[in-house]
Structure formats: structure tokens, C-alpha cells
């Protein structure tokens, strides 16, 4: 399989991950930047049937965006 990001081939995902989680992971592997911002987080949560409030999105960003750069990287997600 050809991966758009060099590091993507090194990621081993547990087969027990829920489909919704795998969908979100796919965003990181095949997205334009390799990370997601608050707008993309909301979009993909909504696509997965989760409709968070603005406050809930802000809380998620605070918890996941460890370096406070406004984006959640694969590494930040995986640590979480």
C-alpha cells in the first residue's frame, strides 16, 4: 500500500478500534496537513454523529492540543 505520508506506514493500529475512531485516524493519514484544526474537528465529529457544543469543542481542543498550536497532530491524538 502506498502512503501519502512517510510516517503513515509505521503506524500500527489495533484491530479493536471502533470504526468511528478509524475514520478520524484516516483524516490524519490522508488529510492535507497531517493534523486537524478546530473546524475540521467539529466537521468530522458531526460526520460521525456527534454534535458537540462550542464549549465542548473548546474543551476537546484544550485536552488534545498539547502544544497549543491550534491543531491536533497524530502524535497528540495518540498520546490522548
PDB file of N, CA and C in Angstrom:
ATOM      1  N   UNK A   1       0.843  -1.183   0.000  1.00  0.00           N
ATOM      2  CA  UNK A   1       0.000   0.000   0.000  1.00  0.00           C
ATOM      3  C   UNK A   1       0.884   1.240   0.000  1.00  0.00           C
ATOM      4  N   UNK A   2       0.504   2.213  -0.772  1.00  0.00           N
ATOM      5  CA  UNK A   2       1.253   3.467  -0.836  1.00  0.00           C
ATOM      6  C   UNK A   2       0.640   4.467   0.142  1.00  0.00           C
ATOM      7  N   UNK A   3       1.472   5.064   0.985  1.00  0.00           N
ATOM      8  CA  UNK A   3       1.004   6.021   1.979  1.00  0.00           C
ATOM      9  C   UNK A   3       1.412   7.429   1.569  1.00  0.00           C
ATOM     10  N   UNK A   4       0.491   8.397   1.725  1.00  0.00           N
ATOM     11  CA  UNK A   4       0.792   9.772   1.344  1.00  0.00           C
ATOM     12  C   UNK A   4       1.773  10.444   2.291  1.00  0.00           C
ATOM     13  N   UNK A   5       1.978   9.904   3.475  1.00  0.00           N
ATOM     14  CA  UNK A   5       2.906  10.471   4.443  1.00  0.00           C
ATOM     15  C   UNK A   5       3.928   9.397   4.800  1.00  0.00           C
ATOM     16  N   UNK A   6       5.208   9.747   4.843  1.00  0.00           N
ATOM     17  CA  UNK A   6       6.237   8.744   5.136  1.00  0.00           C
ATOM     18  C   UNK A   6       6.016   8.004   6.443  1.00  0.00           C
ATOM     19  N   UNK A   7       5.520   8.697   7.451  1.00  0.00           N
ATOM     20  CA  UNK A   7       5.352   8.071   8.750  1.00  0.00           C
ATOM     21  C   UNK A   7       4.119   7.190   8.830  1.00  0.00           C
ATOM     22  N   UNK A   8       3.206   7.311   7.870  1.00  0.00           N
ATOM     23  CA  UNK A   8       1.949   6.569   7.941  1.00  0.00           C
ATOM     24  C   UNK A   8       2.158   5.061   7.884  1.00  0.00           C
ATOM     25  N   UNK A   9       3.157   4.615   7.154  1.00  0.00           N
ATOM     26  CA  UNK A   9       3.391   3.177   7.045  1.00  0.00           C
ATOM     27  C   UNK A   9       3.932   2.589   8.339  1.00  0.00           C
ATOM     28  N   UNK A  10       4.377   3.422   9.271  1.00  0.00           N
ATOM     29  CA  UNK A  10       4.948   2.943  10.522  1.00  0.00           C
ATOM     30  C   UNK A  10       3.907   2.831  11.629  1.00  0.00           C
ATOM     31  N   UNK A  11       2.685   3.218  11.351  1.00  0.00           N
ATOM     32  CA  UNK A  11       1.633   3.220  12.370  1.00  0.00           C
ATOM     33  C   UNK A  11       0.918   1.882  12.349  1.00  0.00           C
ATOM     34  N   UNK A  12       0.868   1.254  13.486  1.00  0.00           N
ATOM     35  CA  UNK A  12       0.149   0.003  13.638  1.00  0.00           C
ATOM     36  C   UNK A  12      -1.081   0.263  14.497  1.00  0.00           C
ATOM     37  N   UNK A  13      -2.249   0.132  13.901  1.00  0.00           N
ATOM     38  CA  UNK A  13      -3.488   0.401  14.614  1.00  0.00           C
ATOM     39  C   UNK A  13      -4.068  -0.900  15.154  1.00  0.00           C
ATOM     40  N   UNK A  14      -4.483  -0.888  16.410  1.00  0.00           N
ATOM     41  CA  UNK A  14      -5.122  -2.085  16.966  1.00  0.00           C
ATOM     42  C   UNK A  14      -6.409  -2.399  16.208  1.00  0.00           C
ATOM     43  N   UNK A  15      -6.658  -3.663  15.892  1.00  0.00           N
ATOM     44  CA  UNK A  15      -7.875  -4.011  15.138  1.00  0.00           C
ATOM     45  C   UNK A  15      -9.154  -3.767  15.921  1.00  0.00           C
ATOM     46  N   UNK A  16      -9.054  -3.564  17.226  1.00  0.00           N
ATOM     47  CA  UNK A  16     -10.244  -3.371  18.043  1.00  0.00           C
ATOM     48  C   UNK A  16     -10.737  -1.926  18.077  1.00  0.00           C
ATOM     49  N   UNK A  17     -10.046  -1.017  17.390  1.00  0.00           N
ATOM     50  CA  UNK A  17     -10.500   0.378  17.380  1.00  0.00           C
ATOM     51  C   UNK A  17     -11.882   0.475  16.740  1.00  0.00           C
ATOM     52  N   UNK A  18     -12.784   1.249  17.343  1.00  0.00           N
ATOM     53  CA  UNK A  18     -14.107   1.427  16.740  1.00  0.00           C
ATOM     54  C   UNK A  18     -13.997   2.086  15.364  1.00  0.00           C
ATOM     55  N   UNK A  19     -14.960   1.798  14.514  1.00  0.00           N
ATOM     56  CA  UNK A  19     -14.969   2.343  13.160  1.00  0.00           C
ATOM     57  C   UNK A  19     -14.907   3.865  13.167  1.00  0.00           C
ATOM     58  N   UNK A  20     -15.588   4.509  14.102  1.00  0.00           N
ATOM     59  CA  UNK A  20     -15.559   5.972  14.165  1.00  0.00           C
ATOM     60  C   UNK A  20     -14.144   6.481  14.434  1.00  0.00           C
ATOM     61  N   UNK A  21     -13.424   5.791  15.295  1.00  0.00           N
ATOM     62  CA  UNK A  21     -12.052   6.187  15.596  1.00  0.00           C
ATOM     63  C   UNK A  21     -11.178   5.984  14.370  1.00  0.00           C
ATOM     64  N   UNK A  22     -11.354   4.879  13.681  1.00  0.00           N
ATOM     65  CA  UNK A  22     -10.570   4.632  12.470  1.00  0.00           C
ATOM     66  C   UNK A  22     -10.855   5.684  11.405  1.00  0.00           C
ATOM     67  N   UNK A  23     -12.086   6.147  11.331  1.00  0.00           N
ATOM     68  CA  UNK A  23     -12.434   7.210  10.384  1.00  0.00           C
ATOM     69  C   UNK A  23     -11.659   8.476  10.713  1.00  0.00           C
ATOM     70  N   UNK A  24     -11.607   8.829  11.984  1.00  0.00           N
ATOM     71  CA  UNK A  24     -10.872  10.017  12.394  1.00  0.00           C
ATOM     72  C   UNK A  24      -9.378   9.848  12.130  1.00  0.00           C
ATOM     73  N   UNK A  25      -8.848   8.671  12.407  1.00  0.00           N
ATOM     74  CA  UNK A  25      -7.436   8.397  12.151  1.00  0.00           C
ATOM     75  C   UNK A  25      -7.139   8.551  10.662  1.00  0.00           C
ATOM     76  N   UNK A  26      -8.042   8.105   9.829  1.00  0.00           N
ATOM     77  CA  UNK A  26      -7.843   8.215   8.375  1.00  0.00           C
ATOM     78  C   UNK A  26      -7.666   9.668   7.945  1.00  0.00           C
ATOM     79  N   UNK A  27      -8.359  10.577   8.631  1.00  0.00           N
ATOM     80  CA  UNK A  27      -8.220  12.004   8.338  1.00  0.00           C
ATOM     81  C   UNK A  27      -6.763  12.428   8.506  1.00  0.00           C
ATOM     82  N   UNK A  28      -6.144  11.987   9.604  1.00  0.00           N
ATOM     83  CA  UNK A  28      -4.750  12.345   9.842  1.00  0.00           C
ATOM     84  C   UNK A  28      -3.824  11.724   8.802  1.00  0.00           C
ATOM     85  N   UNK A  29      -4.106  10.501   8.408  1.00  0.00           N
ATOM     86  CA  UNK A  29      -3.222   9.823   7.461  1.00  0.00           C
ATOM     87  C   UNK A  29      -3.329  10.401   6.058  1.00  0.00           C
ATOM     88  N   UNK A  30      -4.514  10.841   5.666  1.00  0.00           N
ATOM     89  CA  UNK A  30      -4.728  11.259   4.286  1.00  0.00           C
ATOM     90  C   UNK A  30      -5.109  12.721   4.131  1.00  0.00           C
ATOM     91  N   UNK A  31      -5.193  13.446   5.232  1.00  0.00           N
ATOM     92  CA  UNK A  31      -5.538  14.865   5.161  1.00  0.00           C
ATOM     93  C   UNK A  31      -4.406  15.689   4.574  1.00  0.00           C
ATOM     94  N   UNK A  32      -4.692  16.937   4.311  1.00  0.00           N
ATOM     95  CA  UNK A  32      -3.710  17.820   3.688  1.00  0.00           C
ATOM     96  C   UNK A  32      -2.533  18.143   4.605  1.00  0.00           C
ATOM     97  N   UNK A  33      -2.801  18.348   5.886  1.00  0.00           N
ATOM     98  CA  UNK A  33      -1.739  18.834   6.770  1.00  0.00           C
ATOM     99  C   UNK A  33      -1.188  17.782   7.718  1.00  0.00           C
ATOM    100  N   UNK A  34      -1.873  16.667   7.870  1.00  0.00           N
ATOM    101  CA  UNK A  34      -1.443  15.670   8.834  1.00  0.00           C
ATOM    102  C   UNK A  34      -1.905  15.993  10.239  1.00  0.00           C
ATOM    103  N   UNK A  35      -2.693  17.040  10.391  1.00  0.00           N
ATOM    104  CA  UNK A  35      -3.273  17.423  11.676  1.00  0.00           C
ATOM    105  C   UNK A  35      -4.635  18.030  11.389  1.00  0.00           C
ATOM    106  N   UNK A  36      -5.423  18.226  12.451  1.00  0.00           N
ATOM    107  CA  UNK A  36      -6.726  18.851  12.241  1.00  0.00           C
ATOM    108  C   UNK A  36      -6.884  20.058  13.160  1.00  0.00           C
ATOM    109  N   UNK A  37      -7.591  21.057  12.657  1.00  0.00           N
ATOM    110  CA  UNK A  37      -7.860  22.254  13.453  1.00  0.00           C
ATOM    111  C   UNK A  37      -9.278  22.148  14.025  1.00  0.00           C
ATOM    112  N   UNK A  38      -9.697  23.168  14.728  1.00  0.00           N
ATOM    113  CA  UNK A  38     -10.988  23.141  15.419  1.00  0.00           C
ATOM    114  C   UNK A  38     -12.148  22.980  14.434  1.00  0.00           C
ATOM    115  N   UNK A  39     -12.062  23.610  13.291  1.00  0.00           N
ATOM    116  CA  UNK A  39     -13.120  23.498  12.276  1.00  0.00           C
ATOM    117  C   UNK A  39     -13.215  22.063  11.761  1.00  0.00           C
ATOM    118  N   UNK A  40     -12.062  21.470  11.470  1.00  0.00           N
ATOM    119  CA  UNK A  40     -12.048  20.090  10.979  1.00  0.00           C
ATOM    120  C   UNK A  40     -12.499  19.113  12.065  1.00  0.00           C
ATOM    121  N   UNK A  41     -12.129  19.376  13.314  1.00  0.00           N
ATOM    122  CA  UNK A  41     -12.561  18.522  14.420  1.00  0.00           C
ATOM    123  C   UNK A  41     -14.081  18.508  14.506  1.00  0.00           C
ATOM    124  N   UNK A  42     -14.686  19.689  14.458  1.00  0.00           N
ATOM    125  CA  UNK A  42     -16.153  19.775  14.508  1.00  0.00           C
ATOM    126  C   UNK A  42     -16.775  19.041  13.319  1.00  0.00           C
ATOM    127  N   UNK A  43     -16.261  19.272  12.128  1.00  0.00           N
ATOM    128  CA  UNK A  43     -16.800  18.650  10.920  1.00  0.00           C
ATOM    129  C   UNK A  43     -16.789  17.133  11.039  1.00  0.00           C
ATOM    130  N   UNK A  44     -15.660  16.575  11.448  1.00  0.00           N
ATOM    131  CA  UNK A  44     -15.556  15.121  11.491  1.00  0.00           C
ATOM    132  C   UNK A  44     -16.337  14.513  12.650  1.00  0.00           C
ATOM    133  N   UNK A  45     -16.424  15.205  13.770  1.00  0.00           N
ATOM    134  CA  UNK A  45     -17.277  14.714  14.855  1.00  0.00           C
ATOM    135  C   UNK A  45     -18.737  14.669  14.398  1.00  0.00           C
ATOM    136  N   UNK A  46     -19.160  15.707  13.706  1.00  0.00           N
ATOM    137  CA  UNK A  46     -20.529  15.748  13.211  1.00  0.00           C
ATOM    138  C   UNK A  46     -20.771  14.658  12.179  1.00  0.00           C
ATOM    139  N   UNK A  47     -19.793  14.379  11.332  1.00  0.00           N
ATOM    140  CA  UNK A  47     -19.924  13.296  10.352  1.00  0.00           C
ATOM    141  C   UNK A  47     -20.048  11.945  11.035  1.00  0.00           C
ATOM    142  N   UNK A  48     -19.513  11.839  12.247  1.00  0.00           N
ATOM    143  CA  UNK A  48     -19.587  10.589  12.999  1.00  0.00           C
ATOM    144  C   UNK A  48     -20.810  10.557  13.911  1.00  0.00           C
ATOM    145  N   UNK A  49     -21.692  11.566  13.799  1.00  0.00           N
ATOM    146  CA  UNK A  49     -22.921  11.580  14.559  1.00  0.00           C
ATOM    147  C   UNK A  49     -22.816  12.197  15.940  1.00  0.00           C
ATOM    148  N   UNK A  50     -21.724  12.917  16.194  1.00  0.00           N
ATOM    149  CA  UNK A  50     -21.524  13.598  17.472  1.00  0.00           C
ATOM    150  C   UNK A  50     -21.646  15.097  17.208  1.00  0.00           C
ATOM    151  N   UNK A  51     -22.520  15.779  17.957  1.00  0.00           N
ATOM    152  CA  UNK A  51     -22.784  17.190  17.717  1.00  0.00           C
ATOM    153  C   UNK A  51     -22.431  18.002  18.962  1.00  0.00           C
ATOM    154  N   UNK A  52     -21.137  18.283  19.144  1.00  0.00           N
ATOM    155  CA  UNK A  52     -20.687  18.986  20.343  1.00  0.00           C
ATOM    156  C   UNK A  52     -21.013  20.480  20.294  1.00  0.00           C
ATOM    157  N   UNK A  53     -21.182  21.040  21.488  1.00  0.00           N
ATOM    158  CA  UNK A  53     -21.375  22.484  21.597  1.00  0.00           C
ATOM    159  C   UNK A  53     -20.026  23.179  21.384  1.00  0.00           C
ATOM    160  N   UNK A  54     -20.062  24.485  21.240  1.00  0.00           N
ATOM    161  CA  UNK A  54     -18.835  25.262  21.099  1.00  0.00           C
ATOM    162  C   UNK A  54     -17.936  25.079  22.314  1.00  0.00           C
ATOM    163  N   UNK A  55     -18.542  25.045  23.502  1.00  0.00           N
ATOM    164  CA  UNK A  55     -17.766  24.837  24.731  1.00  0.00           C
ATOM    165  C   UNK A  55     -17.124  23.449  24.764  1.00  0.00           C
ATOM    166  N   UNK A  56     -17.852  22.448  24.308  1.00  0.00           N
ATOM    167  CA  UNK A  56     -17.303  21.092  24.278  1.00  0.00           C
ATOM    168  C   UNK A  56     -16.134  20.984  23.299  1.00  0.00           C
ATOM    169  N   UNK A  57     -16.248  21.634  22.158  1.00  0.00           N
ATOM    170  CA  UNK A  57     -15.147  21.644  21.187  1.00  0.00           C
ATOM    171  C   UNK A  57     -13.929  22.331  21.799  1.00  0.00           C
ATOM    172  N   UNK A  58     -14.152  23.452  22.481  1.00  0.00           N
ATOM    173  CA  UNK A  58     -13.041  24.174  23.121  1.00  0.00           C
ATOM    174  C   UNK A  58     -12.366  23.289  24.172  1.00  0.00           C
ATOM    175  N   UNK A  59     -13.151  22.557  24.934  1.00  0.00           N
ATOM    176  CA  UNK A  59     -12.598  21.663  25.944  1.00  0.00           C
ATOM    177  C   UNK A  59     -11.794  20.542  25.292  1.00  0.00           C
ATOM    178  N   UNK A  60     -12.313  19.984  24.213  1.00  0.00           N
ATOM    179  CA  UNK A  60     -11.569  18.946  23.493  1.00  0.00           C
ATOM    180  C   UNK A  60     -10.233  19.479  22.980  1.00  0.00           C
ATOM    181  N   UNK A  61     -10.266  20.669  22.413  1.00  0.00           N
ATOM    182  CA  UNK A  61      -9.024  21.255  21.909  1.00  0.00           C
ATOM    183  C   UNK A  61      -8.024  21.471  23.037  1.00  0.00           C
ATOM    184  N   UNK A  62      -8.498  21.935  24.181  1.00  0.00           N
ATOM    185  CA  UNK A  62      -7.604  22.132  25.331  1.00  0.00           C
ATOM    186  C   UNK A  62      -6.971  20.815  25.760  1.00  0.00           C
ATOM    187  N   UNK A  63      -7.754  19.747  25.732  1.00  0.00           N
ATOM    188  CA  UNK A  63      -7.258  18.446  26.170  1.00  0.00           C
ATOM    189  C   UNK A  63      -6.329  17.798  25.148  1.00  0.00           C
ATOM    190  N   UNK A  64      -6.620  17.984  23.872  1.00  0.00           N
ATOM    191  CA  UNK A  64      -5.883  17.275  22.823  1.00  0.00           C
ATOM    192  C   UNK A  64      -4.710  18.060  22.242  1.00  0.00           C
ATOM    193  N   UNK A  65      -4.835  19.365  22.152  1.00  0.00           N
ATOM    194  CA  UNK A  65      -3.796  20.199  21.540  1.00  0.00           C
ATOM    195  C   UNK A  65      -2.724  20.512  22.585  1.00  0.00           C
ATOM    196  N   UNK A  66      -1.849  19.567  22.809  1.00  0.00           N
ATOM    197  CA  UNK A  66      -0.878  19.649  23.896  1.00  0.00           C
ATOM    198  C   UNK A  66       0.109  20.802  23.754  1.00  0.00           C
ATOM    199  N   UNK A  67       0.469  21.164  22.521  1.00  0.00           N
ATOM    200  CA  UNK A  67       1.428  22.252  22.340  1.00  0.00           C
ATOM    201  C   UNK A  67       0.754  23.591  22.027  1.00  0.00           C
ATOM    202  N   UNK A  68      -0.574  23.624  22.106  1.00  0.00           N
ATOM    203  CA  UNK A  68      -1.365  24.853  21.932  1.00  0.00           C
ATOM    204  C   UNK A  68      -1.088  25.592  20.627  1.00  0.00           C
ATOM    205  N   UNK A  69      -0.890  24.819  19.547  1.00  0.00           N
ATOM    206  CA  UNK A  69      -0.664  25.459  18.246  1.00  0.00           C
ATOM    207  C   UNK A  69      -1.941  25.600  17.424  1.00  0.00           C
ATOM    208  N   UNK A  70      -3.088  25.202  18.011  1.00  0.00           N
ATOM    209  CA  UNK A  70      -4.360  25.326  17.306  1.00  0.00           C
ATOM    210  C   UNK A  70      -4.695  24.142  16.435  1.00  0.00           C
ATOM    211  N   UNK A  71      -3.866  23.104  16.454  1.00  0.00           N
ATOM    212  CA  UNK A  71      -4.110  21.902  15.671  1.00  0.00           C
ATOM    213  C   UNK A  71      -3.802  20.678  16.512  1.00  0.00           C
ATOM    214  N   UNK A  72      -4.486  19.585  16.204  1.00  0.00           N
ATOM    215  CA  UNK A  72      -4.232  18.321  16.875  1.00  0.00           C
ATOM    216  C   UNK A  72      -3.457  17.439  15.900  1.00  0.00           C
ATOM    217  N   UNK A  73      -2.236  17.131  16.265  1.00  0.00           N
ATOM    218  CA  UNK A  73      -1.416  16.264  15.421  1.00  0.00           C
ATOM    219  C   UNK A  73      -1.715  14.799  15.734  1.00  0.00           C
ATOM    220  N   UNK A  74      -1.236  13.920  14.879  1.00  0.00           N
ATOM    221  CA  UNK A  74      -1.383  12.487  15.127  1.00  0.00           C
ATOM    222  C   UNK A  74      -0.765  12.128  16.472  1.00  0.00           C
ATOM    223  N   UNK A  75       0.394  12.662  16.761  1.00  0.00           N
ATOM    224  CA  UNK A  75       1.093  12.341  17.999  1.00  0.00           C
ATOM    225  C   UNK A  75       0.275  12.776  19.222  1.00  0.00           C
ATOM    226  N   UNK A  76      -0.316  13.958  19.149  1.00  0.00           N
ATOM    227  CA  UNK A  76      -1.143  14.444  20.257  1.00  0.00           C
ATOM    228  C   UNK A  76      -2.368  13.551  20.447  1.00  0.00           C
ATOM    229  N   UNK A  77      -2.985  13.158  19.356  1.00  0.00           N
ATOM    230  CA  UNK A  77      -4.147  12.277  19.425  1.00  0.00           C
ATOM    231  C   UNK A  77      -3.762  10.933  20.051  1.00  0.00           C
ATOM    232  N   UNK A  78      -2.665  10.383  19.611  1.00  0.00           N
ATOM    233  CA  UNK A  78      -2.248   9.055  20.070  1.00  0.00           C
ATOM    234  C   UNK A  78      -1.911   9.074  21.567  1.00  0.00           C
ATOM    235  N   UNK A  79      -1.299  10.146  22.040  1.00  0.00           N
ATOM    236  CA  UNK A  79      -0.991  10.272  23.465  1.00  0.00           C
ATOM    237  C   UNK A  79      -2.281  10.320  24.268  1.00  0.00           C
ATOM    238  N   UNK A  80      -3.278  11.010  23.743  1.00  0.00           N
ATOM    239  CA  UNK A  80      -4.553  11.162  24.423  1.00  0.00           C
ATOM    240  C   UNK A  80      -5.219   9.814  24.546  1.00  0.00           C
TER     241      UNK A  80
END
